[in-house]
Amino acid sequence: MKESIQDNLDPFDREDFSPEQVETIHELKDYISSSLKDDEHHVAVIEGSAGTGKSVLLTKLFKDIRAEKKNKNSAFYGLNTAFSVNHPELLKVYADMGAKYPFILKKDYQRPTSIINRLDKEQKQLDVLFIDEGHLLLTKSEPYVKFFQDNQLTELIRLSKVVVVVFDFAQVIQSKMFWNQKLLDQVLKNVDHKIFPLDFQYRMQANPKVRKWIDNFAEGKLAPLPKKSEQAGYDLRVFDRAADMFADLKKVDQKMGMARVVSTTGFSHDESDEHHVVMDDFDQPWDEYDPQELTWAKRPESVNEVGSIYTVQGFDLNLVGLILSPAYEYDEENDRIVVNPDKVIHREIYKKSPHLTDSKDIEKAKQDFMMHALNVLAKRGRYGLYITAADDRLRKRLLELAK
């Protein structure tokens, strides 16, 4: 097996599960096997915030059920199954499972639209469909990607006896994929379903005090940073200059690898129309989608690029250097981070949605999408988080809180 494939799989294809995770996997298998006994549709919803092990658990579940396909004594014998994720970088990783295990094929992993259109064309139905990052499923038609219906989850439920889907509403990042509890409840209203909550943080190797600070920060709430002596080995720092942050981050990358700078929309194109992230003496290009097998986070050269939600969502890093773009500003009156939607460059995230029609809901969504992106990026690092901000007032306040 190619080294690049194993590198991609390492964070996802694991067997070192906690007792709580093992119990959840057993409960999910019981739900799936009992659901297959009737002709109704069933949905298992795995809910958990970033870093709670949702993708790892889903990978294990799919692998175990596929391994039983030829076992005549198994409840999963002969099942027609598939795995879907609406994220090209994650799809690379999952497709590599087909190269590692003889009982899994690369074609078992497809984008949602491909599965919907294929099953409709063949007039077939899946027994069990596994969906990672369900919060990235489309909730409006997108003819550009050949999705002409109204909701991808609704269509995938229609075409499957059992759906196992991962959800985290705090990772909803644009209007064409708008999800909240109300919409999910509507989709599942007439479908048998069960919620499987995950609430333990497996990614960030940080103590409760540090995790609480990062949770609050990801919601825009500001408070003094835990002192170095209180961080228990997790490296949480604020920098005045992005260039200094980058220099320290590269030292970490040389020692342990997988230390990357990340940011969000808000940095303008330069005069030559190049799209770089520029702050003080820091000037690096954005990540670019690359069809090569190795994922962006695993490529050594990506240390000289700036990652985004489109390349790191769903992945682990050892250390994150987070640059808050000019779209994030400081609200002095409420002592918190707020979003200035006028400074959001990637307007695609604010496209019209049939689920956002009230002006107050639209304004709230404009804040939420960018804060959710901040949440996704801030919780990528296993061992550390470095922070700086392009907005002078916000950066000054963060530095005050870090003293």
Protein backbone atom coordinates (compact mmCIF):
# COMPACT_ATOMS: atom_id res chain seq x y z
CA MET A 1 0.00 0.00 0.00
CA LYS A 2 1.31 3.45 -0.89
CA GLU A 3 2.75 5.49 1.98
CA SER A 4 0.62 8.48 0.98
CA ILE A 5 -2.55 6.41 1.36
CA GLN A 6 -1.58 5.23 4.83
CA ASP A 7 -0.70 8.83 5.78
CA ASN A 8 -4.18 9.94 4.75
CA LEU A 9 -5.90 7.12 6.64
CA ASP A 10 -4.00 7.27 9.93
CA PRO A 11 -6.29 9.80 11.69
CA PHE A 12 -9.48 8.04 10.54
CA ASP A 13 -8.83 4.28 10.38
CA ARG A 14 -8.30 3.49 14.04
CA GLU A 15 -9.03 0.77 16.58
CA ASP A 16 -8.11 2.53 19.84
CA PHE A 17 -11.61 3.40 21.01
CA SER A 18 -12.76 4.45 24.46
CA PRO A 19 -15.36 2.31 26.29
CA GLU A 20 -17.96 5.01 25.51
CA GLN A 21 -17.18 4.87 21.78
CA VAL A 22 -17.29 1.07 21.75
CA GLU A 23 -20.69 1.17 23.42
CA THR A 24 -21.99 3.71 20.86
CA ILE A 25 -20.76 1.52 17.98
CA HIS A 26 -22.61 -1.49 19.45
CA GLU A 27 -25.77 0.60 19.89
CA LEU A 28 -25.56 1.78 16.29
CA LYS A 29 -25.12 -1.77 14.99
CA ASP A 30 -28.16 -2.89 17.01
CA TYR A 31 -30.22 -0.02 15.61
CA ILE A 32 -29.17 -0.80 12.04
CA SER A 33 -29.82 -4.54 12.30
CA SER A 34 -33.26 -4.06 13.88
CA SER A 35 -34.16 -1.35 11.33
CA LEU A 36 -33.40 -3.69 8.42
CA LYS A 37 -36.14 -6.07 9.54
CA ASP A 38 -39.00 -3.93 8.19
CA ASP A 39 -39.74 -1.99 5.02
CA GLU A 40 -39.70 1.47 6.60
CA HIS A 41 -36.99 4.11 6.37
CA HIS A 42 -34.78 4.70 9.42
CA VAL A 43 -32.17 7.33 10.34
CA ALA A 44 -29.44 7.24 12.97
CA VAL A 45 -28.11 10.74 13.72
CA ILE A 46 -24.66 10.97 15.31
CA GLU A 47 -24.38 14.39 16.94
CA GLY A 48 -21.25 15.95 18.41
CA SER A 49 -19.10 19.06 18.24
CA ALA A 50 -15.77 19.34 16.44
CA GLY A 51 -13.23 16.85 17.77
CA THR A 52 -15.63 14.39 19.41
CA GLY A 53 -14.65 11.53 17.11
CA LYS A 54 -17.68 11.44 14.81
CA SER A 55 -15.80 10.62 11.60
CA VAL A 56 -13.56 8.02 13.25
CA LEU A 57 -16.59 6.26 14.71
CA LEU A 58 -18.46 6.35 11.40
CA THR A 59 -15.41 4.94 9.58
CA LYS A 60 -15.17 2.04 12.05
CA LEU A 61 -18.89 1.32 11.75
CA PHE A 62 -18.80 1.23 7.94
CA LYS A 63 -15.68 -0.94 7.92
CA ASP A 64 -17.17 -3.46 10.37
CA ILE A 65 -20.43 -3.78 8.46
CA ARG A 66 -18.68 -4.15 5.11
CA ALA A 67 -16.42 -6.87 6.59
CA GLU A 68 -19.56 -8.89 7.41
CA LYS A 69 -21.02 -8.70 3.89
CA LYS A 70 -20.02 -12.27 2.99
CA ASN A 71 -20.73 -13.78 6.41
CA LYS A 72 -23.98 -15.73 6.05
CA ASN A 73 -24.45 -15.77 9.82
CA SER A 74 -24.27 -11.98 10.11
CA ALA A 75 -27.16 -9.52 10.24
CA PHE A 76 -25.19 -7.53 7.68
CA TYR A 77 -24.81 -10.36 5.14
CA GLY A 78 -25.20 -9.28 1.52
CA LEU A 79 -26.04 -5.65 2.30
CA ASN A 80 -25.85 -2.99 -0.41
CA THR A 81 -24.03 -0.14 1.33
CA ALA A 82 -22.28 3.13 0.44
CA PHE A 83 -20.49 6.01 2.14
CA SER A 84 -20.96 9.67 1.23
CA VAL A 85 -19.39 13.01 2.14
CA ASN A 86 -19.84 16.38 0.45
CA HIS A 87 -16.18 17.37 0.86
CA PRO A 88 -13.54 16.60 -1.80
CA GLU A 89 -10.55 16.44 0.56
CA LEU A 90 -12.33 14.02 2.91
CA LEU A 91 -13.52 11.98 -0.05
CA LYS A 92 -9.85 11.38 -0.94
CA VAL A 93 -9.24 9.86 2.47
CA TYR A 94 -12.28 7.64 2.44
CA ALA A 95 -11.63 6.39 -1.08
CA ASP A 96 -8.23 5.21 0.17
CA MET A 97 -10.06 2.69 2.37
CA GLY A 98 -10.86 0.87 -0.86
CA ALA A 99 -7.14 0.50 -1.56
CA LYS A 100 -6.43 -0.85 1.94
CA TYR A 101 -9.24 -3.34 2.51
CA PRO A 102 -10.28 -6.04 0.01
CA PHE A 103 -13.91 -5.89 1.14
CA ILE A 104 -14.22 -2.15 0.36
CA LEU A 105 -14.11 -0.56 -3.10
CA LYS A 106 -13.18 3.01 -4.02
CA LYS A 107 -16.52 3.35 -5.79
CA ASP A 108 -18.27 2.77 -2.46
CA TYR A 109 -17.37 6.39 -1.60
CA GLN A 110 -19.18 9.09 -3.57
CA ARG A 111 -20.48 12.64 -3.28
CA PRO A 112 -24.20 12.85 -2.34
CA THR A 113 -25.37 14.08 -5.75
CA SER A 114 -23.59 11.21 -7.51
CA ILE A 115 -25.34 8.67 -5.29
CA ILE A 116 -28.75 10.28 -5.74
CA ASN A 117 -28.51 10.50 -9.52
CA ARG A 118 -27.05 6.98 -9.86
CA LEU A 119 -29.72 5.31 -7.73
CA ASP A 120 -32.53 7.19 -9.46
CA LYS A 121 -31.15 6.21 -12.86
CA GLU A 122 -30.77 2.56 -11.87
CA GLN A 123 -34.05 2.59 -9.91
CA LYS A 124 -32.29 0.96 -6.98
CA GLN A 125 -32.12 1.45 -3.22
CA LEU A 126 -29.33 1.10 -0.68
CA ASP A 127 -29.70 -1.01 2.44
CA VAL A 128 -27.47 1.26 4.55
CA LEU A 129 -25.95 4.64 3.66
CA PHE A 130 -23.30 6.29 5.84
CA ILE A 131 -22.98 10.10 5.58
CA ASP A 132 -20.14 12.05 7.15
CA GLU A 133 -20.41 15.84 7.65
CA GLY A 134 -24.18 15.82 7.16
CA HIS A 135 -24.18 19.56 7.89
CA LEU A 136 -22.56 19.98 4.43
CA LEU A 137 -25.53 18.45 2.60
CA LEU A 138 -27.32 20.84 0.26
CA THR A 139 -30.68 22.24 1.38
CA LYS A 140 -31.54 23.89 -1.93
CA SER A 141 -31.24 22.91 -5.56
CA GLU A 142 -27.83 23.49 -7.16
CA PRO A 143 -28.09 22.76 -10.91
CA TYR A 144 -24.37 23.55 -11.26
CA VAL A 145 -23.57 20.26 -9.48
CA LYS A 146 -26.55 18.47 -11.07
CA PHE A 147 -28.67 18.49 -7.92
CA PHE A 148 -32.17 19.54 -8.92
CA GLN A 149 -34.21 18.61 -5.84
CA ASP A 150 -34.67 20.60 -2.62
CA ASN A 151 -32.78 18.70 0.06
CA GLN A 152 -30.04 16.10 -0.28
CA LEU A 153 -30.79 14.37 3.02
CA THR A 154 -34.46 13.94 2.09
CA GLU A 155 -33.45 12.33 -1.21
CA LEU A 156 -30.85 10.07 0.40
CA ILE A 157 -33.38 8.87 3.00
CA ARG A 158 -35.82 8.10 0.17
CA LEU A 159 -33.19 5.98 -1.55
CA SER A 160 -31.98 4.06 1.54
CA LYS A 161 -33.53 1.73 4.09
CA VAL A 162 -31.20 3.00 6.81
CA VAL A 163 -29.18 6.23 6.87
CA VAL A 164 -26.44 6.86 9.44
CA VAL A 165 -25.56 10.56 9.32
CA VAL A 166 -23.19 12.82 11.29
CA PHE A 167 -24.39 16.32 12.28
CA ASP A 168 -22.94 19.38 14.00
CA PHE A 169 -24.95 22.57 13.53
CA ALA A 170 -21.94 24.59 14.70
CA GLN A 171 -20.19 23.61 11.47
CA VAL A 172 -22.83 25.02 9.09
CA ILE A 173 -20.83 27.52 7.02
CA GLN A 174 -22.96 28.71 4.08
CA SER A 175 -26.56 29.27 3.07
CA LYS A 176 -26.86 26.60 0.37
CA MET A 177 -26.05 24.09 3.12
CA PHE A 178 -28.14 25.78 5.80
CA TRP A 179 -29.12 23.46 8.64
CA ASN A 180 -30.54 23.98 12.10
CA GLN A 181 -32.44 21.77 14.53
CA LYS A 182 -35.80 22.94 13.18
CA LEU A 183 -34.97 21.96 9.59
CA LEU A 184 -33.54 18.58 10.62
CA ASP A 185 -36.68 17.92 12.67
CA GLN A 186 -38.81 18.72 9.62
CA VAL A 187 -36.85 16.30 7.42
CA LEU A 188 -37.11 13.53 10.04
CA LYS A 189 -40.71 14.27 11.07
CA ASN A 190 -42.25 11.20 9.44
CA VAL A 191 -39.17 8.97 9.59
CA ASP A 192 -38.18 6.64 12.42
CA HIS A 193 -34.95 8.02 13.85
CA LYS A 194 -32.67 7.90 16.85
CA ILE A 195 -30.06 10.38 18.12
CA PHE A 196 -26.63 9.14 19.20
CA PRO A 197 -24.85 12.00 21.06
CA LEU A 198 -21.06 12.25 21.40
CA ASP A 199 -19.77 14.73 23.95
CA PHE A 200 -16.18 13.85 24.84
CA GLN A 201 -13.36 15.86 23.23
CA TYR A 202 -10.85 13.48 21.60
CA ARG A 203 -8.93 15.83 19.30
CA MET A 204 -7.73 18.69 21.48
CA GLN A 205 -5.34 17.35 24.11
CA ALA A 206 -6.24 20.18 26.45
CA ASN A 207 -7.57 20.36 29.98
CA PRO A 208 -11.14 21.56 30.71
CA LYS A 209 -10.04 25.14 31.44
CA VAL A 210 -8.30 25.52 28.07
CA ARG A 211 -11.12 23.77 26.19
CA LYS A 212 -13.64 26.10 27.84
CA TRP A 213 -11.65 29.16 26.74
CA ILE A 214 -11.48 27.89 23.14
CA ASP A 215 -15.20 27.04 23.17
CA ASN A 216 -16.01 30.59 24.30
CA PHE A 217 -13.56 32.14 21.83
CA ALA A 218 -15.17 30.17 18.99
CA GLU A 219 -18.49 31.76 19.94
CA GLY A 220 -16.98 35.25 20.04
CA LYS A 221 -16.82 35.45 23.84
CA LEU A 222 -13.61 36.92 25.21
CA ALA A 223 -11.91 36.21 28.53
CA PRO A 224 -8.35 36.19 29.93
CA LEU A 225 -6.30 33.29 28.56
CA PRO A 226 -5.40 30.55 31.03
CA LYS A 227 -1.91 31.16 32.36
CA LYS A 228 0.93 29.07 30.94
CA SER A 229 1.05 27.07 34.17
CA GLU A 230 -2.67 26.30 33.75
CA GLN A 231 -2.43 25.08 30.14
CA ALA A 232 -1.00 21.66 31.09
CA GLY A 233 1.07 21.29 27.94
CA TYR A 234 -1.43 22.68 25.42
CA ASP A 235 0.25 25.60 23.63
CA LEU A 236 -2.27 28.47 23.56
CA ARG A 237 -0.82 31.84 22.52
CA VAL A 238 -1.73 35.23 21.02
CA PHE A 239 0.65 37.03 18.64
CA ASP A 240 0.92 40.68 17.69
CA ARG A 241 2.44 39.86 14.29
CA ALA A 242 1.42 37.10 11.90
CA ALA A 243 5.01 36.84 10.67
CA ASP A 244 6.22 36.04 14.20
CA MET A 245 3.44 33.51 14.65
CA PHE A 246 4.42 31.85 11.36
CA ALA A 247 8.08 31.67 12.39
CA ASP A 248 7.22 29.92 15.66
CA LEU A 249 4.74 27.64 13.91
CA LYS A 250 7.37 26.49 11.39
CA LYS A 251 9.66 25.50 14.27
CA VAL A 252 6.86 23.32 15.65
CA ASP A 253 6.29 21.86 12.19
CA GLN A 254 9.95 20.90 11.94
CA LYS A 255 9.71 19.06 15.25
CA MET A 256 6.39 17.21 14.93
CA GLY A 257 4.88 18.10 11.54
CA MET A 258 1.24 18.98 10.81
CA ALA A 259 1.49 22.59 12.06
CA ARG A 260 -0.41 24.83 9.64
CA VAL A 261 -1.66 28.41 9.30
CA VAL A 262 -5.40 28.72 8.65
CA SER A 263 -7.80 31.58 8.08
CA THR A 264 -11.17 32.59 6.66
CA THR A 265 -12.52 34.80 3.92
CA GLY A 266 -11.89 38.52 4.34
CA PHE A 267 -8.54 39.10 2.64
CA SER A 268 -8.77 40.90 -0.72
CA HIS A 269 -7.01 39.97 -3.96
CA ASP A 270 -3.86 41.96 -4.67
CA GLU A 271 -3.20 44.15 -7.73
CA SER A 272 -2.21 41.13 -9.86
CA ASP A 273 -5.41 39.36 -8.74
CA GLU A 274 -3.42 36.89 -6.66
CA HIS A 275 -5.33 35.76 -3.59
CA HIS A 276 -2.91 35.79 -0.67
CA VAL A 277 -3.30 36.24 3.05
CA VAL A 278 -1.28 39.36 3.85
CA MET A 279 -0.70 40.79 7.32
CA ASP A 280 2.39 42.76 8.47
CA ASP A 281 5.34 40.82 6.94
CA PHE A 282 3.33 37.63 6.48
CA ASP A 283 2.37 36.95 2.85
CA GLN A 284 1.35 33.42 1.86
CA PRO A 285 -1.05 32.01 -0.75
CA TRP A 286 -4.32 30.32 0.05
CA ASP A 287 -4.57 26.57 -0.18
CA GLU A 288 -5.56 25.19 -3.55
CA TYR A 289 -7.58 22.06 -4.19
CA ASP A 290 -5.18 19.50 -5.63
CA PRO A 291 -6.25 16.15 -7.10
CA GLN A 292 -3.07 14.45 -5.85
CA GLU A 293 -3.65 11.59 -3.41
CA LEU A 294 -2.09 13.16 -0.33
CA THR A 295 -4.45 15.54 1.46
CA TRP A 296 -3.55 19.22 1.90
CA ALA A 297 -2.81 18.93 5.62
CA LYS A 298 -0.43 16.01 5.04
CA ARG A 299 1.59 17.65 2.24
CA PRO A 300 4.88 19.09 3.63
CA GLU A 301 4.78 22.06 1.24
CA SER A 302 1.40 23.19 2.59
CA VAL A 303 3.18 24.71 5.59
CA ASN A 304 3.81 27.64 3.20
CA GLU A 305 0.11 28.01 2.37
CA VAL A 306 -2.93 29.12 4.35
CA GLY A 307 -5.55 26.48 4.96
CA SER A 308 -9.30 27.08 5.00
CA ILE A 309 -12.45 25.26 6.01
CA TYR A 310 -12.43 23.72 2.53
CA THR A 311 -9.18 21.86 3.15
CA VAL A 312 -9.06 21.27 6.92
CA GLN A 313 -12.69 20.69 7.96
CA GLY A 314 -12.84 17.17 9.34
CA PHE A 315 -9.05 16.83 9.71
CA ASP A 316 -6.67 16.88 12.66
CA LEU A 317 -3.60 19.11 12.86
CA ASN A 318 -0.95 19.06 15.55
CA LEU A 319 -0.92 22.85 15.88
CA VAL A 320 -3.04 25.58 14.31
CA GLY A 321 -1.93 29.14 13.60
CA LEU A 322 -5.21 31.01 13.22
CA ILE A 323 -5.31 34.41 11.50
CA LEU A 324 -8.64 36.13 12.08
CA SER A 325 -9.41 37.95 8.82
CA PRO A 326 -10.50 41.62 8.66
CA ALA A 327 -14.12 40.39 8.67
CA TYR A 328 -13.75 39.71 12.41
CA GLU A 329 -13.92 42.91 14.46
CA TYR A 330 -13.98 43.89 18.12
CA ASP A 331 -17.22 45.00 19.74
CA GLU A 332 -15.95 47.11 22.64
CA GLU A 333 -19.37 47.68 24.19
CA ASN A 334 -20.01 43.94 24.59
CA ASP A 335 -16.35 42.88 24.76
CA ARG A 336 -16.71 40.23 22.09
CA ILE A 337 -15.82 39.27 18.52
CA VAL A 338 -18.35 40.22 15.85
CA VAL A 339 -18.49 39.71 12.09
CA ASN A 340 -18.65 42.57 9.59
CA PRO A 341 -20.49 40.94 6.64
CA ASP A 342 -19.38 43.76 4.31
CA LYS A 343 -15.80 42.52 4.67
CA VAL A 344 -16.63 38.93 3.72
CA ILE A 345 -15.02 38.46 0.29
CA HIS A 346 -16.44 35.01 -0.52
CA ARG A 347 -20.05 36.08 -1.13
CA GLU A 348 -21.05 32.54 -2.10
CA ILE A 349 -21.67 31.76 1.56
CA TYR A 350 -24.46 34.36 1.65
CA LYS A 351 -26.48 33.21 -1.37
CA LYS A 352 -30.27 33.23 -1.04
CA SER A 353 -31.81 30.25 0.73
CA PRO A 354 -35.48 29.21 0.95
CA HIS A 355 -34.84 28.58 4.65
CA LEU A 356 -33.67 32.13 5.31
CA THR A 357 -36.34 34.67 4.41
CA ASP A 358 -36.81 36.74 7.57
CA SER A 359 -34.42 39.71 7.68
CA LYS A 360 -33.43 38.99 11.30
CA ASP A 361 -32.70 35.34 10.47
CA ILE A 362 -30.59 36.43 7.50
CA GLU A 363 -28.54 38.84 9.60
CA LYS A 364 -28.06 36.20 12.28
CA ALA A 365 -26.96 33.64 9.66
CA LYS A 366 -24.36 36.09 8.32
CA GLN A 367 -22.82 36.18 11.78
CA ASP A 368 -23.27 32.46 12.43
CA PHE A 369 -21.64 31.20 9.22
CA MET A 370 -18.42 33.08 9.92
CA MET A 371 -18.42 32.21 13.63
CA HIS A 372 -18.96 28.57 12.70
CA ALA A 373 -15.95 28.78 10.38
CA LEU A 374 -13.95 30.19 13.30
CA ASN A 375 -15.20 27.29 15.45
CA VAL A 376 -14.11 24.71 12.85
CA LEU A 377 -10.62 26.19 12.47
CA ALA A 378 -9.92 26.90 16.15
CA LYS A 379 -10.55 23.25 17.08
CA ARG A 380 -8.27 21.57 14.53
CA GLY A 381 -5.14 21.53 16.72
CA ARG A 382 -4.37 18.56 18.94
CA TYR A 383 -1.58 20.21 20.89
CA GLY A 384 -1.84 23.94 20.34
CA LEU A 385 -3.56 27.03 18.99
CA TYR A 386 -1.78 30.25 17.99
CA ILE A 387 -3.98 33.30 17.33
CA THR A 388 -3.61 36.70 15.74
CA ALA A 389 -6.11 39.11 14.18
CA ALA A 390 -5.96 41.48 11.22
CA ASP A 391 -8.30 43.94 12.92
CA ASP A 392 -6.12 46.24 15.07
CA ARG A 393 -8.64 46.71 17.87
CA LEU A 394 -9.42 43.01 18.12
CA ARG A 395 -5.74 42.06 18.10
CA LYS A 396 -5.01 44.64 20.83
CA ARG A 397 -7.81 43.22 23.01
CA LEU A 398 -6.61 39.64 22.52
CA LEU A 399 -3.08 40.66 23.50
CA GLU A 400 -4.42 42.34 26.64
CA LEU A 401 -6.24 39.14 27.57
CA ALA A 402 -3.08 37.10 27.01
CA LYS A 403 -0.99 39.08 29.54
